[in-house]
Amino acid sequence: MRQSVAALTHRTWATAQIATGLHRQVVWWRGYYHFLRPHLGLRRQAKACTPALAAGLTTHRWTPVEFLGYSYAQAG
């Protein structure tokens, strides 16, 4: 995760000094990792799938537009 989140990658904490900015970057990375990015180790019908798809949390691989448009208020 450290190498994927820009605020954590750089030696300086300048971009991560504001907690909300760091939180947003971590939330985006987690969503990307679990809902958007196919993992070669997880396969369904000879096709790579996402961890959320493999766990049955969703029925399809999400698009970035779909992820950005998702409201966390709906999640409960």
PDB file of N, CA and C in Angstrom:
ATOM      1  N   MET A   1       0.826  -1.174   0.000  1.00  0.00           N
ATOM      2  CA  MET A   1       0.000   0.000   0.000  1.00  0.00           C
ATOM      3  C   MET A   1       0.881   1.253   0.000  1.00  0.00           C
ATOM      4  N   ARG A   2       1.972   1.222   0.714  1.00  0.00           N
ATOM      5  CA  ARG A   2       2.825   2.410   0.815  1.00  0.00           C
ATOM      6  C   ARG A   2       3.308   2.879  -0.549  1.00  0.00           C
ATOM      7  N   GLN A   3       3.630   1.965  -1.439  1.00  0.00           N
ATOM      8  CA  GLN A   3       4.131   2.353  -2.754  1.00  0.00           C
ATOM      9  C   GLN A   3       3.017   2.769  -3.699  1.00  0.00           C
ATOM     10  N   SER A   4       1.779   2.489  -3.376  1.00  0.00           N
ATOM     11  CA  SER A   4       0.664   2.825  -4.246  1.00  0.00           C
ATOM     12  C   SER A   4       0.015   4.157  -3.913  1.00  0.00           C
ATOM     13  N   VAL A   5       0.109   4.592  -2.676  1.00  0.00           N
ATOM     14  CA  VAL A   5      -0.490   5.862  -2.253  1.00  0.00           C
ATOM     15  C   VAL A   5       0.579   6.932  -2.307  1.00  0.00           C
ATOM     16  N   ALA A   6       0.363   7.941  -3.161  1.00  0.00           N
ATOM     17  CA  ALA A   6       1.381   8.963  -3.404  1.00  0.00           C
ATOM     18  C   ALA A   6       1.839   9.647  -2.119  1.00  0.00           C
ATOM     19  N   ALA A   7       0.926   9.938  -1.221  1.00  0.00           N
ATOM     20  CA  ALA A   7       1.288  10.632   0.015  1.00  0.00           C
ATOM     21  C   ALA A   7       2.202   9.786   0.896  1.00  0.00           C
ATOM     22  N   LEU A   8       2.152   8.501   0.760  1.00  0.00           N
ATOM     23  CA  LEU A   8       2.997   7.622   1.563  1.00  0.00           C
ATOM     24  C   LEU A   8       4.279   7.228   0.829  1.00  0.00           C
ATOM     25  N   THR A   9       4.297   7.372  -0.485  1.00  0.00           N
ATOM     26  CA  THR A   9       5.453   6.985  -1.285  1.00  0.00           C
ATOM     27  C   THR A   9       6.617   7.931  -1.088  1.00  0.00           C
ATOM     28  N   HIS A  10       6.341   9.218  -1.094  1.00  0.00           N
ATOM     29  CA  HIS A  10       7.392  10.217  -1.001  1.00  0.00           C
ATOM     30  C   HIS A  10       7.942  10.292   0.419  1.00  0.00           C
ATOM     31  N   ARG A  11       9.166  10.658   0.526  1.00  0.00           N
ATOM     32  CA  ARG A  11       9.815  10.755   1.834  1.00  0.00           C
ATOM     33  C   ARG A  11       9.232  11.888   2.669  1.00  0.00           C
ATOM     34  N   THR A  12       8.690  12.891   2.023  1.00  0.00           N
ATOM     35  CA  THR A  12       8.115  14.011   2.765  1.00  0.00           C
ATOM     36  C   THR A  12       6.630  13.782   2.995  1.00  0.00           C
ATOM     37  N   TRP A  13       6.150  14.273   4.068  1.00  0.00           N
ATOM     38  CA  TRP A  13       4.739  14.136   4.415  1.00  0.00           C
ATOM     39  C   TRP A  13       3.946  15.370   4.009  1.00  0.00           C
ATOM     40  N   ALA A  14       4.507  16.195   3.138  1.00  0.00           N
ATOM     41  CA  ALA A  14       3.859  17.445   2.753  1.00  0.00           C
ATOM     42  C   ALA A  14       2.445  17.210   2.221  1.00  0.00           C
ATOM     43  N   THR A  15       2.258  16.196   1.403  1.00  0.00           N
ATOM     44  CA  THR A  15       0.927  15.949   0.841  1.00  0.00           C
ATOM     45  C   THR A  15       0.031  15.201   1.818  1.00  0.00           C
ATOM     46  N   ALA A  16       0.600  14.643   2.859  1.00  0.00           N
ATOM     47  CA  ALA A  16      -0.190  13.861   3.804  1.00  0.00           C
ATOM     48  C   ALA A  16      -0.394  14.581   5.124  1.00  0.00           C
ATOM     49  N   GLN A  17      -0.017  15.843   5.210  1.00  0.00           N
ATOM     50  CA  GLN A  17      -0.147  16.545   6.474  1.00  0.00           C
ATOM     51  C   GLN A  17      -1.597  16.778   6.854  1.00  0.00           C
ATOM     52  N   ILE A  18      -2.452  16.854   5.870  1.00  0.00           N
ATOM     53  CA  ILE A  18      -3.876  17.022   6.151  1.00  0.00           C
ATOM     54  C   ILE A  18      -4.494  15.624   6.169  1.00  0.00           C
ATOM     55  N   ALA A  19      -5.097  15.262   7.266  1.00  0.00           N
ATOM     56  CA  ALA A  19      -5.625  13.905   7.443  1.00  0.00           C
ATOM     57  C   ALA A  19      -6.676  13.560   6.395  1.00  0.00           C
ATOM     58  N   THR A  20      -7.509  14.518   6.019  1.00  0.00           N
ATOM     59  CA  THR A  20      -8.558  14.214   5.034  1.00  0.00           C
ATOM     60  C   THR A  20      -7.960  13.875   3.678  1.00  0.00           C
ATOM     61  N   GLY A  21      -6.875  14.568   3.292  1.00  0.00           N
ATOM     62  CA  GLY A  21      -6.226  14.277   2.017  1.00  0.00           C
ATOM     63  C   GLY A  21      -5.639  12.879   1.995  1.00  0.00           C
ATOM     64  N   LEU A  22      -4.990  12.502   3.066  1.00  0.00           N
ATOM     65  CA  LEU A  22      -4.422  11.163   3.166  1.00  0.00           C
ATOM     66  C   LEU A  22      -5.540  10.121   3.184  1.00  0.00           C
ATOM     67  N   HIS A  23      -6.599  10.389   3.921  1.00  0.00           N
ATOM     68  CA  HIS A  23      -7.732   9.460   3.990  1.00  0.00           C
ATOM     69  C   HIS A  23      -8.335   9.241   2.606  1.00  0.00           C
ATOM     70  N   ARG A  24      -8.495  10.292   1.840  1.00  0.00           N
ATOM     71  CA  ARG A  24      -9.060  10.156   0.491  1.00  0.00           C
ATOM     72  C   ARG A  24      -8.169   9.316  -0.402  1.00  0.00           C
ATOM     73  N   GLN A  25      -6.860   9.506  -0.306  1.00  0.00           N
ATOM     74  CA  GLN A  25      -5.947   8.714  -1.127  1.00  0.00           C
ATOM     75  C   GLN A  25      -5.986   7.239  -0.743  1.00  0.00           C
ATOM     76  N   VAL A  26      -6.075   6.955   0.548  1.00  0.00           N
ATOM     77  CA  VAL A  26      -6.132   5.558   1.009  1.00  0.00           C
ATOM     78  C   VAL A  26      -7.458   4.914   0.600  1.00  0.00           C
ATOM     79  N   VAL A  27      -8.556   5.659   0.697  1.00  0.00           N
ATOM     80  CA  VAL A  27      -9.866   5.130   0.285  1.00  0.00           C
ATOM     81  C   VAL A  27      -9.857   4.829  -1.211  1.00  0.00           C
ATOM     82  N   TRP A  28      -9.298   5.742  -2.016  1.00  0.00           N
ATOM     83  CA  TRP A  28      -9.231   5.499  -3.456  1.00  0.00           C
ATOM     84  C   TRP A  28      -8.393   4.251  -3.744  1.00  0.00           C
ATOM     85  N   TRP A  29      -7.240   4.105  -3.088  1.00  0.00           N
ATOM     86  CA  TRP A  29      -6.391   2.945  -3.320  1.00  0.00           C
ATOM     87  C   TRP A  29      -7.114   1.650  -2.953  1.00  0.00           C
ATOM     88  N   ARG A  30      -7.791   1.646  -1.793  1.00  0.00           N
ATOM     89  CA  ARG A  30      -8.504   0.436  -1.375  1.00  0.00           C
ATOM     90  C   ARG A  30      -9.599   0.065  -2.356  1.00  0.00           C
ATOM     91  N   GLY A  31     -10.341   1.066  -2.823  1.00  0.00           N
ATOM     92  CA  GLY A  31     -11.389   0.805  -3.806  1.00  0.00           C
ATOM     93  C   GLY A  31     -10.814   0.290  -5.110  1.00  0.00           C
ATOM     94  N   TYR A  32      -9.752   0.930  -5.560  1.00  0.00           N
ATOM     95  CA  TYR A  32      -9.093   0.494  -6.798  1.00  0.00           C
ATOM     96  C   TYR A  32      -8.600  -0.942  -6.648  1.00  0.00           C
ATOM     97  N   TYR A  33      -7.939  -1.237  -5.558  1.00  0.00           N
ATOM     98  CA  TYR A  33      -7.352  -2.557  -5.341  1.00  0.00           C
ATOM     99  C   TYR A  33      -8.415  -3.652  -5.269  1.00  0.00           C
ATOM    100  N   HIS A  34      -9.527  -3.375  -4.595  1.00  0.00           N
ATOM    101  CA  HIS A  34     -10.532  -4.412  -4.362  1.00  0.00           C
ATOM    102  C   HIS A  34     -11.640  -4.484  -5.409  1.00  0.00           C
ATOM    103  N   PHE A  35     -11.959  -3.374  -6.063  1.00  0.00           N
ATOM    104  CA  PHE A  35     -13.097  -3.367  -6.976  1.00  0.00           C
ATOM    105  C   PHE A  35     -12.734  -3.143  -8.442  1.00  0.00           C
ATOM    106  N   LEU A  36     -11.611  -2.495  -8.735  1.00  0.00           N
ATOM    107  CA  LEU A  36     -11.270  -2.164 -10.110  1.00  0.00           C
ATOM    108  C   LEU A  36     -10.155  -3.018 -10.702  1.00  0.00           C
ATOM    109  N   ARG A  37      -9.143  -3.306  -9.931  1.00  0.00           N
ATOM    110  CA  ARG A  37      -7.938  -3.966 -10.434  1.00  0.00           C
ATOM    111  C   ARG A  37      -8.085  -5.478 -10.473  1.00  0.00           C
ATOM    112  N   PRO A  38      -7.981  -6.077 -11.655  1.00  0.00           N
ATOM    113  CA  PRO A  38      -8.035  -7.541 -11.714  1.00  0.00           C
ATOM    114  C   PRO A  38      -6.737  -8.145 -11.174  1.00  0.00           C
ATOM    115  N   HIS A  39      -6.865  -9.229 -10.444  1.00  0.00           N
ATOM    116  CA  HIS A  39      -5.713  -9.925  -9.869  1.00  0.00           C
ATOM    117  C   HIS A  39      -5.533 -11.233 -10.616  1.00  0.00           C
ATOM    118  N   LEU A  40      -4.332 -11.447 -11.100  1.00  0.00           N
ATOM    119  CA  LEU A  40      -4.074 -12.646 -11.888  1.00  0.00           C
ATOM    120  C   LEU A  40      -4.194 -13.924 -11.065  1.00  0.00           C
ATOM    121  N   GLY A  41      -3.977 -13.836  -9.775  1.00  0.00           N
ATOM    122  CA  GLY A  41      -4.087 -15.015  -8.915  1.00  0.00           C
ATOM    123  C   GLY A  41      -5.524 -15.436  -8.658  1.00  0.00           C
ATOM    124  N   LEU A  42      -6.450 -14.531  -8.871  1.00  0.00           N
ATOM    125  CA  LEU A  42      -7.871 -14.835  -8.695  1.00  0.00           C
ATOM    126  C   LEU A  42      -8.483 -15.007 -10.078  1.00  0.00           C
ATOM    127  N   ARG A  43      -8.973 -16.180 -10.343  1.00  0.00           N
ATOM    128  CA  ARG A  43      -9.521 -16.434 -11.679  1.00  0.00           C
ATOM    129  C   ARG A  43     -10.930 -16.983 -11.580  1.00  0.00           C
ATOM    130  N   ARG A  44     -11.738 -16.517 -12.502  1.00  0.00           N
ATOM    131  CA  ARG A  44     -13.096 -17.032 -12.686  1.00  0.00           C
ATOM    132  C   ARG A  44     -13.267 -17.314 -14.159  1.00  0.00           C
ATOM    133  N   GLN A  45     -13.565 -18.523 -14.490  1.00  0.00           N
ATOM    134  CA  GLN A  45     -13.755 -18.933 -15.877  1.00  0.00           C
ATOM    135  C   GLN A  45     -12.573 -18.493 -16.746  1.00  0.00           C
ATOM    136  N   ALA A  46     -11.359 -18.789 -16.288  1.00  0.00           N
ATOM    137  CA  ALA A  46     -10.110 -18.484 -16.985  1.00  0.00           C
ATOM    138  C   ALA A  46      -9.918 -16.997 -17.231  1.00  0.00           C
ATOM    139  N   LYS A  47     -10.514 -16.174 -16.398  1.00  0.00           N
ATOM    140  CA  LYS A  47     -10.406 -14.724 -16.547  1.00  0.00           C
ATOM    141  C   LYS A  47     -10.079 -14.132 -15.175  1.00  0.00           C
ATOM    142  N   ALA A  48      -9.090 -13.238 -15.125  1.00  0.00           N
ATOM    143  CA  ALA A  48      -8.713 -12.613 -13.858  1.00  0.00           C
ATOM    144  C   ALA A  48      -9.881 -11.791 -13.325  1.00  0.00           C
ATOM    145  N   CYS A  49     -10.058 -11.798 -11.999  1.00  0.00           N
ATOM    146  CA  CYS A  49     -11.142 -11.018 -11.401  1.00  0.00           C
ATOM    147  C   CYS A  49     -10.620 -10.246 -10.195  1.00  0.00           C
ATOM    148  N   THR A  50     -11.451  -9.384  -9.677  1.00  0.00           N
ATOM    149  CA  THR A  50     -11.080  -8.556  -8.525  1.00  0.00           C
ATOM    150  C   THR A  50     -11.364  -9.312  -7.232  1.00  0.00           C
ATOM    151  N   PRO A  51     -10.735  -8.919  -6.118  1.00  0.00           N
ATOM    152  CA  PRO A  51     -11.026  -9.572  -4.842  1.00  0.00           C
ATOM    153  C   PRO A  51     -12.494  -9.434  -4.433  1.00  0.00           C
ATOM    154  N   ALA A  52     -13.105  -8.293  -4.696  1.00  0.00           N
ATOM    155  CA  ALA A  52     -14.517  -8.107  -4.344  1.00  0.00           C
ATOM    156  C   ALA A  52     -15.406  -9.041  -5.158  1.00  0.00           C
ATOM    157  N   LEU A  53     -15.064  -9.252  -6.400  1.00  0.00           N
ATOM    158  CA  LEU A  53     -15.816 -10.165  -7.256  1.00  0.00           C
ATOM    159  C   LEU A  53     -15.637 -11.606  -6.786  1.00  0.00           C
ATOM    160  N   ALA A  54     -14.422 -11.974  -6.429  1.00  0.00           N
ATOM    161  CA  ALA A  54     -14.140 -13.324  -5.936  1.00  0.00           C
ATOM    162  C   ALA A  54     -14.849 -13.597  -4.610  1.00  0.00           C
ATOM    163  N   ALA A  55     -14.993 -12.568  -3.782  1.00  0.00           N
ATOM    164  CA  ALA A  55     -15.648 -12.719  -2.484  1.00  0.00           C
ATOM    165  C   ALA A  55     -17.165 -12.644  -2.581  1.00  0.00           C
ATOM    166  N   GLY A  56     -17.678 -12.308  -3.751  1.00  0.00           N
ATOM    167  CA  GLY A  56     -19.121 -12.227  -3.933  1.00  0.00           C
ATOM    168  C   GLY A  56     -19.727 -10.906  -3.484  1.00  0.00           C
ATOM    169  N   LEU A  57     -18.905  -9.869  -3.309  1.00  0.00           N
ATOM    170  CA  LEU A  57     -19.411  -8.562  -2.895  1.00  0.00           C
ATOM    171  C   LEU A  57     -20.026  -7.790  -4.054  1.00  0.00           C
ATOM    172  N   THR A  58     -19.681  -8.161  -5.269  1.00  0.00           N
ATOM    173  CA  THR A  58     -20.203  -7.512  -6.460  1.00  0.00           C
ATOM    174  C   THR A  58     -20.332  -8.544  -7.570  1.00  0.00           C
ATOM    175  N   THR A  59     -21.080  -8.214  -8.594  1.00  0.00           N
ATOM    176  CA  THR A  59     -21.294  -9.158  -9.691  1.00  0.00           C
ATOM    177  C   THR A  59     -20.474  -8.828 -10.923  1.00  0.00           C
ATOM    178  N   HIS A  60     -19.739  -7.711 -10.886  1.00  0.00           N
ATOM    179  CA  HIS A  60     -18.946  -7.297 -12.041  1.00  0.00           C
ATOM    180  C   HIS A  60     -17.759  -6.454 -11.589  1.00  0.00           C
ATOM    181  N   ARG A  61     -16.808  -6.303 -12.490  1.00  0.00           N
ATOM    182  CA  ARG A  61     -15.657  -5.430 -12.225  1.00  0.00           C
ATOM    183  C   ARG A  61     -16.105  -3.984 -12.416  1.00  0.00           C
ATOM    184  N   TRP A  62     -15.877  -3.152 -11.422  1.00  0.00           N
ATOM    185  CA  TRP A  62     -16.322  -1.762 -11.463  1.00  0.00           C
ATOM    186  C   TRP A  62     -15.447  -0.939 -12.390  1.00  0.00           C
ATOM    187  N   THR A  63     -16.023   0.142 -12.921  1.00  0.00           N
ATOM    188  CA  THR A  63     -15.272   1.126 -13.700  1.00  0.00           C
ATOM    189  C   THR A  63     -14.885   2.258 -12.756  1.00  0.00           C
ATOM    190  N   PRO A  64     -13.869   3.043 -13.106  1.00  0.00           N
ATOM    191  CA  PRO A  64     -13.516   4.190 -12.255  1.00  0.00           C
ATOM    192  C   PRO A  64     -14.676   5.168 -12.085  1.00  0.00           C
ATOM    193  N   VAL A  65     -15.447   5.391 -13.136  1.00  0.00           N
ATOM    194  CA  VAL A  65     -16.599   6.302 -13.058  1.00  0.00           C
ATOM    195  C   VAL A  65     -17.639   5.759 -12.085  1.00  0.00           C
ATOM    196  N   GLU A  66     -17.873   4.472 -12.135  1.00  0.00           N
ATOM    197  CA  GLU A  66     -18.833   3.845 -11.223  1.00  0.00           C
ATOM    198  C   GLU A  66     -18.350   3.946  -9.771  1.00  0.00           C
ATOM    199  N   PHE A  67     -17.057   3.724  -9.556  1.00  0.00           N
ATOM    200  CA  PHE A  67     -16.510   3.814  -8.205  1.00  0.00           C
ATOM    201  C   PHE A  67     -16.585   5.242  -7.668  1.00  0.00           C
ATOM    202  N   LEU A  68     -16.211   6.204  -8.485  1.00  0.00           N
ATOM    203  CA  LEU A  68     -16.243   7.608  -8.038  1.00  0.00           C
ATOM    204  C   LEU A  68     -17.660   8.104  -7.809  1.00  0.00           C
ATOM    205  N   GLY A  69     -18.632   7.519  -8.503  1.00  0.00           N
ATOM    206  CA  GLY A  69     -20.019   7.929  -8.335  1.00  0.00           C
ATOM    207  C   GLY A  69     -20.733   7.219  -7.196  1.00  0.00           C
ATOM    208  N   TYR A  70     -20.083   6.241  -6.568  1.00  0.00           N
ATOM    209  CA  TYR A  70     -20.698   5.478  -5.487  1.00  0.00           C
ATOM    210  C   TYR A  70     -20.806   6.342  -4.237  1.00  0.00           C
ATOM    211  N   SER A  71     -21.949   6.339  -3.628  1.00  0.00           N
ATOM    212  CA  SER A  71     -22.156   7.116  -2.407  1.00  0.00           C
ATOM    213  C   SER A  71     -22.016   6.186  -1.201  1.00  0.00           C
ATOM    214  N   TYR A  72     -21.123   6.550  -0.293  1.00  0.00           N
ATOM    215  CA  TYR A  72     -20.921   5.736   0.907  1.00  0.00           C
ATOM    216  C   TYR A  72     -22.127   5.810   1.831  1.00  0.00           C
ATOM    217  N   ALA A  73     -22.961   6.826   1.681  1.00  0.00           N
ATOM    218  CA  ALA A  73     -24.166   6.928   2.489  1.00  0.00           C
ATOM    219  C   ALA A  73     -25.124   5.782   2.171  1.00  0.00           C
ATOM    220  N   GLN A  74     -25.072   5.281   0.912  1.00  0.00           N
ATOM    221  CA  GLN A  74     -25.921   4.154   0.521  1.00  0.00           C
ATOM    222  C   GLN A  74     -25.487   2.869   1.211  1.00  0.00           C
ATOM    223  N   ALA A  75     -24.218   2.780   1.515  1.00  0.00           N
ATOM    224  CA  ALA A  75     -23.671   1.547   2.077  1.00  0.00           C
ATOM    225  C   ALA A  75     -24.163   1.276   3.493  1.00  0.00           C
ATOM    226  N   GLY A  76     -24.607   2.288   4.179  1.00  0.00           N
ATOM    227  CA  GLY A  76     -25.127   2.081   5.525  1.00  0.00           C
ATOM    228  C   GLY A  76     -24.150   2.373   6.528  1.00  0.00           C
TER     229      GLY A  76
END
